[in-house]
């Protein structure tokens, strides 16, 4: 098991929603990772879809670099429609 790769697990709880990161686990291959993810993270029928991604394939930004990384977006308020009022009937937005 110590040679098995680490997999990141993403689960969609119901149709129409986004996948969310649920955790990590070790598995020999993607099929085993999906089965183990189902057993570990979806024991009570919490999901309708599981994605597994080898951790080595994920690249993340450093939180310490957040200001310079996201600074260009701050002067483009027209891209952020926060001034719109959404009706209650609009879900998951």
N, C-alpha and C. Protein backbone atom coordinates (compact mmCIF):
# COMPACT_ATOMS: atom_id res chain seq x y z
N UNK A 1 0.81 -1.19 0.00
CA UNK A 1 0.00 0.00 0.00
C UNK A 1 0.85 1.26 0.00
N UNK A 2 2.04 1.22 0.57
CA UNK A 2 2.85 2.43 0.64
C UNK A 2 3.27 2.92 -0.75
N UNK A 3 3.20 2.06 -1.76
CA UNK A 3 3.54 2.47 -3.12
C UNK A 3 2.31 2.91 -3.93
N UNK A 4 1.12 2.77 -3.36
CA UNK A 4 -0.08 3.18 -4.07
C UNK A 4 -0.15 4.70 -4.12
N UNK A 5 -0.58 5.25 -5.26
CA UNK A 5 -0.67 6.70 -5.37
C UNK A 5 -1.83 7.27 -4.54
N UNK A 6 -1.70 8.54 -4.23
CA UNK A 6 -2.74 9.27 -3.50
C UNK A 6 -3.73 9.84 -4.51
N UNK A 7 -5.01 9.70 -4.24
CA UNK A 7 -6.08 10.19 -5.11
C UNK A 7 -6.91 11.22 -4.37
N UNK A 8 -7.30 12.27 -5.08
CA UNK A 8 -8.21 13.27 -4.53
C UNK A 8 -9.62 12.89 -4.97
N UNK A 9 -10.56 12.98 -4.06
CA UNK A 9 -11.91 12.50 -4.30
C UNK A 9 -12.88 13.67 -4.37
N UNK A 10 -13.67 13.71 -5.45
CA UNK A 10 -14.70 14.74 -5.64
C UNK A 10 -16.04 14.02 -5.81
N UNK A 11 -17.05 14.48 -5.08
CA UNK A 11 -18.35 13.83 -5.11
C UNK A 11 -19.42 14.87 -5.44
N UNK A 12 -20.34 14.49 -6.32
CA UNK A 12 -21.52 15.32 -6.60
C UNK A 12 -22.66 14.71 -5.79
N UNK A 13 -23.24 15.51 -4.90
CA UNK A 13 -24.26 14.97 -4.00
C UNK A 13 -25.59 14.72 -4.68
N UNK A 14 -25.95 15.54 -5.67
CA UNK A 14 -27.15 15.26 -6.45
C UNK A 14 -27.05 15.93 -7.80
N UNK A 15 -27.86 15.46 -8.74
CA UNK A 15 -27.80 15.96 -10.11
C UNK A 15 -28.00 17.47 -10.13
N UNK A 16 -27.21 18.15 -10.97
CA UNK A 16 -27.32 19.59 -11.11
C UNK A 16 -26.37 20.37 -10.23
N UNK A 17 -25.79 19.74 -9.24
CA UNK A 17 -24.83 20.42 -8.37
C UNK A 17 -23.41 20.13 -8.84
N UNK A 18 -22.48 20.90 -8.35
CA UNK A 18 -21.07 20.71 -8.69
C UNK A 18 -20.46 19.61 -7.84
N UNK A 19 -19.39 19.01 -8.36
CA UNK A 19 -18.60 18.08 -7.55
C UNK A 19 -17.86 18.90 -6.50
N UNK A 20 -17.73 18.35 -5.31
CA UNK A 20 -16.99 19.00 -4.23
C UNK A 20 -15.91 18.05 -3.73
N UNK A 21 -14.80 18.63 -3.30
CA UNK A 21 -13.70 17.82 -2.78
C UNK A 21 -14.11 17.23 -1.44
N UNK A 22 -14.03 15.92 -1.33
CA UNK A 22 -14.42 15.23 -0.11
C UNK A 22 -13.23 14.75 0.70
N UNK A 23 -12.07 14.56 0.05
CA UNK A 23 -10.91 14.08 0.78
C UNK A 23 -9.95 13.36 -0.15
N UNK A 24 -9.07 12.57 0.46
CA UNK A 24 -8.03 11.86 -0.27
C UNK A 24 -7.96 10.42 0.21
N UNK A 25 -7.45 9.55 -0.65
CA UNK A 25 -7.20 8.18 -0.23
C UNK A 25 -6.16 7.55 -1.16
N UNK A 26 -5.57 6.47 -0.70
CA UNK A 26 -4.59 5.72 -1.50
C UNK A 26 -5.31 4.55 -2.16
N UNK A 27 -4.96 4.29 -3.43
CA UNK A 27 -5.52 3.15 -4.16
C UNK A 27 -4.56 2.77 -5.28
N UNK A 28 -4.63 1.52 -5.69
CA UNK A 28 -3.72 1.00 -6.71
C UNK A 28 -4.01 1.60 -8.09
N UNK A 29 -5.29 1.84 -8.41
CA UNK A 29 -5.66 2.38 -9.72
C UNK A 29 -6.97 3.15 -9.59
N UNK A 30 -7.43 3.72 -10.72
CA UNK A 30 -8.63 4.56 -10.66
C UNK A 30 -9.89 3.78 -10.31
N UNK A 31 -9.99 2.53 -10.76
CA UNK A 31 -11.17 1.73 -10.43
C UNK A 31 -11.24 1.47 -8.93
N UNK A 32 -10.11 1.12 -8.34
CA UNK A 32 -10.07 0.89 -6.90
C UNK A 32 -10.33 2.20 -6.15
N UNK A 33 -9.82 3.31 -6.68
CA UNK A 33 -10.04 4.61 -6.03
C UNK A 33 -11.52 4.96 -6.00
N UNK A 34 -12.23 4.69 -7.10
CA UNK A 34 -13.67 4.97 -7.13
C UNK A 34 -14.42 4.07 -6.15
N UNK A 35 -14.10 2.79 -6.14
CA UNK A 35 -14.76 1.88 -5.20
C UNK A 35 -14.48 2.26 -3.75
N UNK A 36 -13.22 2.57 -3.45
CA UNK A 36 -12.88 2.96 -2.08
C UNK A 36 -13.53 4.28 -1.70
N UNK A 37 -13.58 5.22 -2.66
CA UNK A 37 -14.23 6.51 -2.39
C UNK A 37 -15.71 6.30 -2.10
N UNK A 38 -16.36 5.43 -2.86
CA UNK A 38 -17.76 5.12 -2.60
C UNK A 38 -17.94 4.57 -1.19
N UNK A 39 -17.06 3.64 -0.80
CA UNK A 39 -17.17 3.02 0.52
C UNK A 39 -16.85 3.99 1.65
N UNK A 40 -15.91 4.89 1.42
CA UNK A 40 -15.49 5.81 2.49
C UNK A 40 -16.36 7.06 2.56
N UNK A 41 -16.66 7.66 1.41
CA UNK A 41 -17.32 8.97 1.40
C UNK A 41 -18.80 8.94 1.04
N UNK A 42 -19.31 7.81 0.57
CA UNK A 42 -20.72 7.76 0.16
C UNK A 42 -21.43 6.57 0.80
N UNK A 43 -21.14 6.31 2.05
CA UNK A 43 -21.73 5.16 2.74
C UNK A 43 -23.23 5.28 2.94
N UNK A 44 -23.70 6.51 3.03
CA UNK A 44 -25.12 6.74 3.30
C UNK A 44 -25.82 7.33 2.09
N UNK A 45 -25.40 6.90 0.90
CA UNK A 45 -26.02 7.34 -0.34
C UNK A 45 -25.92 8.86 -0.53
N UNK A 46 -24.76 9.44 -0.20
CA UNK A 46 -24.57 10.89 -0.30
C UNK A 46 -24.28 11.36 -1.72
N UNK A 47 -23.97 10.48 -2.64
CA UNK A 47 -23.52 10.94 -3.94
C UNK A 47 -24.22 10.30 -5.12
N UNK A 48 -24.12 11.00 -6.27
CA UNK A 48 -24.61 10.44 -7.53
C UNK A 48 -23.47 10.30 -8.54
N UNK A 49 -22.31 10.89 -8.22
CA UNK A 49 -21.17 10.83 -9.13
C UNK A 49 -19.88 11.02 -8.33
N UNK A 50 -18.85 10.28 -8.71
CA UNK A 50 -17.55 10.39 -8.05
C UNK A 50 -16.48 10.64 -9.11
N UNK A 51 -15.63 11.62 -8.86
CA UNK A 51 -14.44 11.83 -9.67
C UNK A 51 -13.24 11.50 -8.81
N UNK A 52 -12.23 10.85 -9.40
CA UNK A 52 -10.96 10.61 -8.72
C UNK A 52 -9.84 11.18 -9.60
N UNK A 53 -8.92 11.88 -8.97
CA UNK A 53 -7.80 12.49 -9.68
C UNK A 53 -6.54 12.21 -8.88
N UNK A 54 -5.50 11.73 -9.56
CA UNK A 54 -4.24 11.53 -8.86
C UNK A 54 -3.75 12.87 -8.33
N UNK A 55 -3.37 12.89 -7.08
CA UNK A 55 -2.91 14.13 -6.44
C UNK A 55 -1.74 14.75 -7.18
N UNK A 56 -0.90 13.92 -7.78
CA UNK A 56 0.28 14.44 -8.47
C UNK A 56 -0.09 15.26 -9.71
N UNK A 57 -1.34 15.14 -10.17
CA UNK A 57 -1.78 15.87 -11.36
C UNK A 57 -2.46 17.20 -11.02
N UNK A 58 -2.54 17.52 -9.74
CA UNK A 58 -3.19 18.77 -9.32
C UNK A 58 -2.12 19.79 -8.99
N UNK A 59 -2.28 20.97 -9.57
CA UNK A 59 -1.39 22.09 -9.27
C UNK A 59 -2.25 23.19 -8.67
N UNK A 60 -1.83 23.73 -7.56
CA UNK A 60 -2.62 24.75 -6.88
C UNK A 60 -1.80 26.02 -6.70
N UNK A 61 -2.51 27.12 -6.65
CA UNK A 61 -1.83 28.39 -6.36
C UNK A 61 -1.51 28.44 -4.87
N UNK A 62 -0.55 29.26 -4.53
CA UNK A 62 -0.15 29.45 -3.14
C UNK A 62 -1.04 30.54 -2.54
N UNK A 63 -1.70 30.27 -1.41
CA UNK A 63 -2.54 31.30 -0.79
C UNK A 63 -1.79 32.59 -0.49
N UNK A 64 -0.49 32.51 -0.29
CA UNK A 64 0.31 33.71 -0.03
C UNK A 64 0.39 34.61 -1.27
N UNK A 65 0.13 34.03 -2.44
CA UNK A 65 0.17 34.81 -3.69
C UNK A 65 -1.21 35.28 -4.13
N UNK A 66 -2.20 35.20 -3.26
CA UNK A 66 -3.58 35.52 -3.65
C UNK A 66 -3.73 36.97 -4.12
N UNK A 67 -3.15 37.92 -3.40
CA UNK A 67 -3.32 39.33 -3.79
C UNK A 67 -2.80 39.61 -5.19
N UNK A 68 -1.54 39.30 -5.50
CA UNK A 68 -1.08 39.59 -6.86
C UNK A 68 -1.78 38.74 -7.93
N UNK A 69 -2.16 37.52 -7.57
CA UNK A 69 -2.80 36.64 -8.54
C UNK A 69 -4.18 37.15 -8.94
N UNK A 70 -4.95 37.60 -7.96
CA UNK A 70 -6.33 38.00 -8.22
C UNK A 70 -6.52 39.51 -8.37
N UNK A 71 -5.46 40.29 -8.23
CA UNK A 71 -5.54 41.74 -8.34
C UNK A 71 -6.14 42.22 -9.67
N UNK A 72 -5.77 41.66 -10.81
CA UNK A 72 -6.33 42.16 -12.08
C UNK A 72 -7.86 42.10 -12.14
N UNK A 73 -8.48 41.17 -11.45
CA UNK A 73 -9.94 41.04 -11.50
C UNK A 73 -10.66 42.09 -10.66
N UNK A 74 -9.98 42.69 -9.70
CA UNK A 74 -10.63 43.63 -8.79
C UNK A 74 -11.07 44.92 -9.47
N UNK A 75 -10.43 45.31 -10.55
CA UNK A 75 -10.82 46.56 -11.21
C UNK A 75 -11.82 46.33 -12.35
N UNK A 76 -12.41 45.15 -12.41
CA UNK A 76 -13.39 44.83 -13.45
C UNK A 76 -14.72 44.44 -12.79
N UNK A 77 -15.32 45.40 -12.08
CA UNK A 77 -16.54 45.11 -11.33
C UNK A 77 -17.69 44.67 -12.24
N UNK A 78 -17.64 45.06 -13.49
CA UNK A 78 -18.71 44.67 -14.41
C UNK A 78 -18.74 43.17 -14.64
N UNK A 79 -17.68 42.47 -14.30
CA UNK A 79 -17.64 41.01 -14.46
C UNK A 79 -18.27 40.30 -13.27
N UNK A 80 -18.57 41.03 -12.22
CA UNK A 80 -19.13 40.45 -11.00
C UNK A 80 -20.52 41.02 -10.77
N UNK A 81 -21.55 40.33 -11.24
CA UNK A 81 -22.90 40.88 -11.15
C UNK A 81 -23.50 40.79 -9.75
N UNK A 82 -22.80 41.32 -8.78
CA UNK A 82 -23.27 41.26 -7.40
C UNK A 82 -24.39 42.24 -7.13
N UNK A 83 -24.66 43.15 -8.04
CA UNK A 83 -25.70 44.15 -7.84
C UNK A 83 -27.06 43.68 -8.34
N UNK A 84 -27.14 42.48 -8.93
CA UNK A 84 -28.41 41.93 -9.38
C UNK A 84 -29.12 41.26 -8.21
N UNK A 85 -30.43 41.41 -8.16
CA UNK A 85 -31.23 40.71 -7.16
C UNK A 85 -31.83 39.49 -7.84
N UNK A 86 -31.53 38.33 -7.29
CA UNK A 86 -32.04 37.08 -7.86
C UNK A 86 -33.32 36.66 -7.14
N UNK A 87 -34.31 36.22 -7.90
CA UNK A 87 -35.53 35.72 -7.25
C UNK A 87 -35.23 34.46 -6.46
N UNK A 88 -36.04 34.22 -5.43
CA UNK A 88 -35.84 33.04 -4.60
C UNK A 88 -35.98 31.74 -5.39
N UNK A 89 -36.72 31.78 -6.51
CA UNK A 89 -36.93 30.58 -7.31
C UNK A 89 -35.65 30.09 -8.00
N UNK A 90 -34.68 30.98 -8.13
CA UNK A 90 -33.41 30.61 -8.78
C UNK A 90 -32.56 29.90 -7.73
N UNK A 91 -32.33 28.64 -7.93
CA UNK A 91 -31.57 27.87 -6.97
C UNK A 91 -30.15 27.60 -7.41
N UNK A 92 -29.27 27.35 -6.47
CA UNK A 92 -27.90 26.92 -6.73
C UNK A 92 -27.10 27.91 -7.57
N UNK A 93 -27.30 29.19 -7.35
CA UNK A 93 -26.53 30.16 -8.12
C UNK A 93 -25.65 30.94 -7.18
